[in-house]
Amino acid sequence: MNRSTQAIAHRMASEETGAVRHWLDGYKRYQIILAAVRMQLFERVAELGGMTKDEAISEFGIDGQYTRFFLQALCDEGLLERQAELYISTEMAARLLDRNSPSQIVELFESISDSNGPWHRFGERIREERPTATRLHTKAAYQQHLPGHMGIVERIAGWADFPTARSLLEIGDPAGLHAIGVCRNSPILAGTIVCDRNQAEEAGASVARFNLERRIEVRAGELPDTLSELDDEKFDIAIAAHALYRHRKALVPFLQAVARTMRPGGLLILDHYYCSPNCGEELSGLQDLDQALTIGFHPLCDADRFLTFVEMAGFKVLETAEVQGFCGRSKRIAAVKGGAAAQMRQARGKCCE
């Protein structure tokens, strides 16, 4: 082997070593954090105001030879900070991985390795029918969308007519967190959550957890049929976040059914994932797989085309915004009822099935 060949072989070996470490290290980091979550380490550290290495050995029964490395690995991930001999939780760990936090994502984290989860048996999952979601995976799905949820609540609370709004409709959210978040920002607002029967228990539990049973009603039934049971022009605000994927073959009728229940000038907020135009080349195969497995359906096709559907249903689009979530970017749309019905723009390509 000459020097040139040796240099190429060395470079290839170096690149391949880096790739293999990249593949494997992600799994190892996940297992380290998952172990801490299952031990409820972050909750205990918060209770004690910090924890030493010896206290961690005593509290969790960790073998002493691993304890310092384990705690340092959590520091490396930005979840613990070391102050002399004391380890304390970072703000990120307290917000996301402490079960007592309102923005915790523990179920999302645990669902990745759950024996019934799509990633645990990925090779089988992509070759079988969509399974019925368990309670864990239902909660994990809406935790995936938590950054978008916060943005929706802030957008509605900043709407000029929000101080006088009295009624809100939320469509298809199994946790009802948008309705809860918005109603907590207004003492005069009442909400109605419409969702599938298998989601109603979770939505009702969320409402009860925030003591809002008198202000938020949960209606269970098959969508969009449940919408037909609601009064005309009843709602000032309507929200549909990640609720339209299963209805993507009849989006205009669904949006028209929503419009019928809204007062003129009412605010509509939509937040969903979309394919690229023509369902062509994607930015990230991993990201797109994660979205598809999370929502259980094909994303909506082509955001520009969807804007036309919104206009055809009788809304005027105010703005769109990209939302960075835990499994990629979605697009949030704000519109008001009362726009002139649009004509369908020429499609740029056929949506994939």
Foldseek 3Di string as FASTA:
>chain_A
DDPVVVVVVVVVVVVVVVVVCVVPVVVVLLVLVLVCLVLLVQQVCVVVVWDFLVRCCVSRVDPSVCSVVSLVSCVVVVQWDDDPRTIHGDPVCCQARRPVHPLHLSLLSVLCCDPPACNVPVVVNVVDAQDDDDPSLLSNLVSQCSQVLVVLLVVLLPDPCLQVWAEEEEEARLQCSNVVSNCVSYVRHAYEYEHAPVSQVNNVVNCVVSPNPVRYHYHHDDPPVVLVVAAFQAGQEYEYELRCQVVLVPLLVRLLSVLRNHHAFGKYKYKWAEADAQNDDDDDPQLLVVRCSSSVGHTRYHPVQVVLSNLQSAWAWDDKDWGQGNRGIIIMTMIGGHHHHDDRDPRPHDDDD
